[in-house]
Amino acid sequence: MVIRRRLRAIFFPLFLYCVSGAAAGYFVWHALNGERGLKANDEHQARIAQLHGQLDALKAESATWRRRIDLVNGAIVDRDLLDEQARVVLGRADKNDLVVMLPSK
């Protein structure tokens, strides 16, 4: 009887500590590695930063194109830009242009 009480007094708290430690470990592991954990949050923040960089690049490109379109479609047409675009589309060169022919490989 005395041995049984002594074993119960030792093993029962030990068992409770192990169960509570396992439960705490489970929640800590999922807080770090789960699909909504800290590591996933860091990955999401890195992806958001990457997408913001792409968005800024696309906004800059859009602004460039808007400026070029405004130069051609505006009330005052930029003659140099219009001439450049016409030459590109028609495949022509002006008599004052220097044309360099590169050999094809």
N, C-alpha and C. Protein backbone atom coordinates (compact mmCIF):
# COMPACT_ATOMS: atom_id res chain seq x y z
N MET A 1 0.79 -1.19 0.00
CA MET A 1 0.00 0.00 0.00
C MET A 1 0.84 1.26 0.00
N VAL A 2 1.84 1.28 0.83
CA VAL A 2 2.67 2.46 0.94
C VAL A 2 3.44 2.66 -0.37
N ILE A 3 3.92 1.56 -0.93
CA ILE A 3 4.67 1.66 -2.19
C ILE A 3 3.75 2.14 -3.31
N ARG A 4 2.52 1.63 -3.32
CA ARG A 4 1.58 2.03 -4.35
C ARG A 4 1.25 3.53 -4.25
N ARG A 5 1.06 4.03 -3.04
CA ARG A 5 0.78 5.45 -2.86
C ARG A 5 1.97 6.31 -3.27
N ARG A 6 3.15 5.84 -2.92
CA ARG A 6 4.35 6.58 -3.27
C ARG A 6 4.55 6.61 -4.79
N LEU A 7 4.31 5.47 -5.48
CA LEU A 7 4.42 5.43 -6.93
C LEU A 7 3.36 6.32 -7.58
N ARG A 8 2.14 6.26 -7.04
CA ARG A 8 1.08 7.11 -7.56
C ARG A 8 1.41 8.59 -7.34
N ALA A 9 2.01 8.93 -6.21
CA ALA A 9 2.38 10.31 -5.92
C ALA A 9 3.49 10.79 -6.85
N ILE A 10 4.30 9.88 -7.35
CA ILE A 10 5.39 10.26 -8.26
C ILE A 10 4.91 10.24 -9.71
N PHE A 11 4.25 9.17 -10.14
CA PHE A 11 3.91 8.99 -11.54
C PHE A 11 2.71 9.83 -12.00
N PHE A 12 1.75 10.07 -11.15
CA PHE A 12 0.59 10.85 -11.56
C PHE A 12 0.97 12.30 -11.92
N PRO A 13 1.71 13.02 -11.08
CA PRO A 13 2.15 14.37 -11.50
C PRO A 13 3.08 14.32 -12.72
N LEU A 14 3.94 13.31 -12.79
CA LEU A 14 4.82 13.15 -13.94
C LEU A 14 4.01 12.95 -15.22
N PHE A 15 2.96 12.14 -15.14
CA PHE A 15 2.09 11.91 -16.28
C PHE A 15 1.37 13.21 -16.69
N LEU A 16 0.91 13.97 -15.71
CA LEU A 16 0.25 15.24 -16.02
C LEU A 16 1.21 16.24 -16.66
N TYR A 17 2.44 16.29 -16.16
CA TYR A 17 3.44 17.17 -16.76
C TYR A 17 3.74 16.76 -18.20
N CYS A 18 3.84 15.48 -18.45
CA CYS A 18 4.11 15.00 -19.82
C CYS A 18 2.95 15.33 -20.76
N VAL A 19 1.72 15.12 -20.33
CA VAL A 19 0.57 15.42 -21.16
C VAL A 19 0.46 16.92 -21.42
N SER A 20 0.63 17.73 -20.40
CA SER A 20 0.55 19.18 -20.59
C SER A 20 1.72 19.68 -21.43
N GLY A 21 2.89 19.09 -21.28
CA GLY A 21 4.05 19.46 -22.11
C GLY A 21 3.82 19.09 -23.56
N ALA A 22 3.22 17.93 -23.80
CA ALA A 22 2.93 17.51 -25.17
C ALA A 22 1.89 18.44 -25.80
N ALA A 23 0.87 18.79 -25.05
CA ALA A 23 -0.15 19.71 -25.58
C ALA A 23 0.46 21.08 -25.87
N ALA A 24 1.27 21.58 -24.97
CA ALA A 24 1.93 22.87 -25.19
C ALA A 24 2.87 22.79 -26.39
N GLY A 25 3.60 21.71 -26.52
CA GLY A 25 4.50 21.51 -27.66
C GLY A 25 3.74 21.48 -28.97
N TYR A 26 2.58 20.82 -28.97
CA TYR A 26 1.74 20.75 -30.16
C TYR A 26 1.33 22.15 -30.61
N PHE A 27 0.87 22.96 -29.67
CA PHE A 27 0.42 24.31 -30.01
C PHE A 27 1.58 25.22 -30.41
N VAL A 28 2.72 25.07 -29.76
CA VAL A 28 3.89 25.88 -30.12
C VAL A 28 4.38 25.50 -31.52
N TRP A 29 4.41 24.21 -31.83
CA TRP A 29 4.86 23.77 -33.16
C TRP A 29 3.94 24.32 -34.25
N HIS A 30 2.64 24.25 -34.01
CA HIS A 30 1.70 24.79 -35.00
C HIS A 30 1.73 26.31 -35.07
N ALA A 31 2.06 26.97 -33.97
CA ALA A 31 2.19 28.42 -34.02
C ALA A 31 3.39 28.84 -34.86
N LEU A 32 4.41 28.01 -34.92
CA LEU A 32 5.58 28.31 -35.74
C LEU A 32 5.45 27.79 -37.17
N ASN A 33 5.04 26.55 -37.33
CA ASN A 33 5.09 25.88 -38.63
C ASN A 33 3.75 25.65 -39.29
N GLY A 34 2.67 25.98 -38.66
CA GLY A 34 1.35 25.72 -39.23
C GLY A 34 1.07 26.59 -40.44
N GLU A 35 -0.08 26.38 -41.06
CA GLU A 35 -0.39 27.14 -42.27
C GLU A 35 -0.66 28.61 -41.97
N ARG A 36 -0.90 28.95 -40.72
CA ARG A 36 -1.05 30.35 -40.32
C ARG A 36 0.00 30.73 -39.28
N GLY A 37 1.11 30.01 -39.27
CA GLY A 37 2.15 30.23 -38.28
C GLY A 37 3.08 31.38 -38.65
N LEU A 38 4.12 31.53 -37.85
CA LEU A 38 5.06 32.63 -38.04
C LEU A 38 5.86 32.48 -39.33
N LYS A 39 6.26 31.25 -39.66
CA LYS A 39 7.02 31.05 -40.90
C LYS A 39 6.16 31.34 -42.12
N ALA A 40 4.91 30.92 -42.09
CA ALA A 40 4.01 31.19 -43.21
C ALA A 40 3.77 32.70 -43.33
N ASN A 41 3.69 33.37 -42.20
CA ASN A 41 3.51 34.83 -42.22
C ASN A 41 4.72 35.51 -42.86
N ASP A 42 5.92 35.05 -42.53
CA ASP A 42 7.12 35.62 -43.15
C ASP A 42 7.12 35.38 -44.66
N GLU A 43 6.71 34.19 -45.10
CA GLU A 43 6.64 33.89 -46.53
C GLU A 43 5.62 34.79 -47.23
N HIS A 44 4.49 35.00 -46.57
CA HIS A 44 3.46 35.87 -47.14
C HIS A 44 3.96 37.31 -47.25
N GLN A 45 4.67 37.77 -46.24
CA GLN A 45 5.19 39.14 -46.27
C GLN A 45 6.23 39.30 -47.38
N ALA A 46 7.08 38.28 -47.59
CA ALA A 46 8.06 38.34 -48.67
C ALA A 46 7.36 38.35 -50.03
N ARG A 47 6.32 37.56 -50.19
CA ARG A 47 5.56 37.51 -51.44
C ARG A 47 4.86 38.85 -51.69
N ILE A 48 4.32 39.46 -50.63
CA ILE A 48 3.67 40.76 -50.75
C ILE A 48 4.68 41.82 -51.19
N ALA A 49 5.89 41.79 -50.61
CA ALA A 49 6.93 42.75 -51.01
C ALA A 49 7.32 42.56 -52.47
N GLN A 50 7.43 41.30 -52.90
CA GLN A 50 7.76 41.02 -54.29
C GLN A 50 6.66 41.54 -55.23
N LEU A 51 5.42 41.31 -54.87
CA LEU A 51 4.31 41.76 -55.71
C LEU A 51 4.20 43.28 -55.73
N HIS A 52 4.54 43.95 -54.62
CA HIS A 52 4.56 45.41 -54.61
C HIS A 52 5.64 45.94 -55.54
N GLY A 53 6.78 45.26 -55.59
CA GLY A 53 7.84 45.66 -56.52
C GLY A 53 7.38 45.52 -57.97
N GLN A 54 6.70 44.41 -58.27
CA GLN A 54 6.18 44.23 -59.63
C GLN A 54 5.13 45.29 -59.95
N LEU A 55 4.28 45.60 -58.97
CA LEU A 55 3.25 46.62 -59.19
C LEU A 55 3.87 47.97 -59.48
N ASP A 56 4.91 48.33 -58.73
CA ASP A 56 5.58 49.62 -58.98
C ASP A 56 6.21 49.66 -60.36
N ALA A 57 6.81 48.55 -60.79
CA ALA A 57 7.41 48.50 -62.13
C ALA A 57 6.33 48.64 -63.20
N LEU A 58 5.20 47.96 -63.00
CA LEU A 58 4.12 48.06 -63.98
C LEU A 58 3.49 49.45 -64.00
N LYS A 59 3.41 50.10 -62.84
CA LYS A 59 2.89 51.47 -62.81
C LYS A 59 3.82 52.42 -63.56
N ALA A 60 5.13 52.22 -63.39
CA ALA A 60 6.09 53.07 -64.11
C ALA A 60 5.98 52.84 -65.61
N GLU A 61 5.85 51.59 -66.03
CA GLU A 61 5.70 51.29 -67.44
C GLU A 61 4.40 51.88 -67.99
N SER A 62 3.34 51.79 -67.21
CA SER A 62 2.07 52.36 -67.63
C SER A 62 2.17 53.87 -67.78
N ALA A 63 2.84 54.52 -66.85
CA ALA A 63 3.01 55.97 -66.94
C ALA A 63 3.81 56.35 -68.18
N THR A 64 4.83 55.55 -68.50
CA THR A 64 5.62 55.80 -69.71
C THR A 64 4.76 55.70 -70.95
N TRP A 65 3.95 54.64 -71.00
CA TRP A 65 3.08 54.47 -72.17
C TRP A 65 2.03 55.57 -72.25
N ARG A 66 1.51 55.99 -71.12
CA ARG A 66 0.51 57.07 -71.12
C ARG A 66 1.12 58.37 -71.65
N ARG A 67 2.35 58.66 -71.24
CA ARG A 67 3.02 59.86 -71.74
C ARG A 67 3.21 59.78 -73.26
N ARG A 68 3.63 58.62 -73.74
CA ARG A 68 3.84 58.47 -75.19
C ARG A 68 2.52 58.58 -75.95
N ILE A 69 1.46 58.01 -75.41
CA ILE A 69 0.15 58.09 -76.06
C ILE A 69 -0.35 59.53 -76.05
N ASP A 70 -0.14 60.23 -74.94
CA ASP A 70 -0.57 61.63 -74.87
C ASP A 70 0.19 62.49 -75.87
N LEU A 71 1.46 62.16 -76.13
CA LEU A 71 2.22 62.93 -77.11
C LEU A 71 1.66 62.75 -78.52
N VAL A 72 1.14 61.57 -78.83
CA VAL A 72 0.61 61.32 -80.17
C VAL A 72 -0.85 61.74 -80.28
N ASN A 73 -1.65 61.54 -79.24
CA ASN A 73 -3.08 61.81 -79.29
C ASN A 73 -3.48 63.19 -78.81
N GLY A 74 -2.55 63.95 -78.29
CA GLY A 74 -2.91 65.23 -77.71
C GLY A 74 -3.28 66.27 -78.76
N ALA A 75 -3.60 67.48 -78.29
CA ALA A 75 -3.94 68.57 -79.19
C ALA A 75 -2.71 68.98 -80.00
N ILE A 76 -1.54 68.88 -79.39
CA ILE A 76 -0.29 69.16 -80.08
C ILE A 76 0.45 67.84 -80.22
N VAL A 77 0.66 67.42 -81.47
CA VAL A 77 1.31 66.14 -81.74
C VAL A 77 2.82 66.37 -81.79
N ASP A 78 3.56 65.53 -81.07
CA ASP A 78 5.02 65.59 -81.12
C ASP A 78 5.47 65.01 -82.47
N ARG A 79 5.98 65.88 -83.34
CA ARG A 79 6.31 65.46 -84.71
C ARG A 79 7.44 64.43 -84.73
N ASP A 80 8.40 64.56 -83.83
CA ASP A 80 9.52 63.60 -83.82
C ASP A 80 9.03 62.20 -83.47
N LEU A 81 8.18 62.10 -82.46
CA LEU A 81 7.66 60.80 -82.06
C LEU A 81 6.78 60.21 -83.15
N LEU A 82 5.97 61.02 -83.77
CA LEU A 82 5.11 60.56 -84.86
C LEU A 82 5.94 60.08 -86.04
N ASP A 83 6.99 60.82 -86.37
CA ASP A 83 7.88 60.44 -87.46
C ASP A 83 8.59 59.13 -87.15
N GLU A 84 9.06 58.99 -85.91
CA GLU A 84 9.74 57.76 -85.49
C GLU A 84 8.80 56.55 -85.59
N GLN A 85 7.58 56.69 -85.12
CA GLN A 85 6.62 55.59 -85.16
C GLN A 85 6.25 55.24 -86.60
N ALA A 86 6.09 56.25 -87.45
CA ALA A 86 5.75 55.99 -88.85
C ALA A 86 6.88 55.24 -89.54
N ARG A 87 8.11 55.58 -89.27
CA ARG A 87 9.25 54.89 -89.88
C ARG A 87 9.34 53.44 -89.41
N VAL A 88 9.06 53.23 -88.11
CA VAL A 88 9.10 51.86 -87.60
C VAL A 88 8.02 51.01 -88.24
N VAL A 89 6.83 51.54 -88.35
CA VAL A 89 5.71 50.79 -88.92
C VAL A 89 5.92 50.53 -90.41
N LEU A 90 6.39 51.53 -91.14
CA LEU A 90 6.55 51.40 -92.59
C LEU A 90 7.87 50.74 -92.99
N GLY A 91 8.82 50.70 -92.07
CA GLY A 91 10.12 50.11 -92.39
C GLY A 91 10.94 51.00 -93.33
N ARG A 92 10.82 52.29 -93.19
CA ARG A 92 11.49 53.25 -94.06
C ARG A 92 12.55 54.01 -93.27
N ALA A 93 13.42 54.68 -94.02
CA ALA A 93 14.45 55.52 -93.41
C ALA A 93 14.46 56.86 -94.13
N ASP A 94 14.85 57.89 -93.41
CA ASP A 94 14.96 59.22 -94.00
C ASP A 94 16.28 59.32 -94.77
N LYS A 95 16.37 60.28 -95.68
CA LYS A 95 17.59 60.41 -96.47
C LYS A 95 18.78 60.84 -95.61
N ASN A 96 18.52 61.43 -94.44
CA ASN A 96 19.61 61.87 -93.56
C ASN A 96 19.96 60.84 -92.48
N ASP A 97 19.24 59.73 -92.44
CA ASP A 97 19.51 58.69 -91.44
C ASP A 97 20.70 57.84 -91.87
N LEU A 98 21.46 57.40 -90.89
CA LEU A 98 22.57 56.49 -91.13
C LEU A 98 22.06 55.08 -90.84
N VAL A 99 22.09 54.21 -91.82
CA VAL A 99 21.59 52.85 -91.68
C VAL A 99 22.79 51.91 -91.66
N VAL A 100 22.89 51.10 -90.63
CA VAL A 100 23.98 50.13 -90.51
C VAL A 100 23.39 48.76 -90.73
N MET A 101 23.88 48.07 -91.74
CA MET A 101 23.40 46.72 -92.07
C MET A 101 24.31 45.72 -91.38
N LEU A 102 23.77 44.88 -90.54
CA LEU A 102 24.52 43.84 -89.84
C LEU A 102 24.38 42.54 -90.58
N PRO A 103 25.47 41.78 -90.69
CA PRO A 103 25.34 40.49 -91.38
C PRO A 103 24.51 39.52 -90.54
N SER A 104 23.69 38.74 -91.22
CA SER A 104 22.88 37.76 -90.49
C SER A 104 23.72 36.51 -90.26
N LYS A 105 23.48 35.86 -89.16
CA LYS A 105 24.29 34.69 -88.80
C LYS A 105 23.55 33.42 -89.06
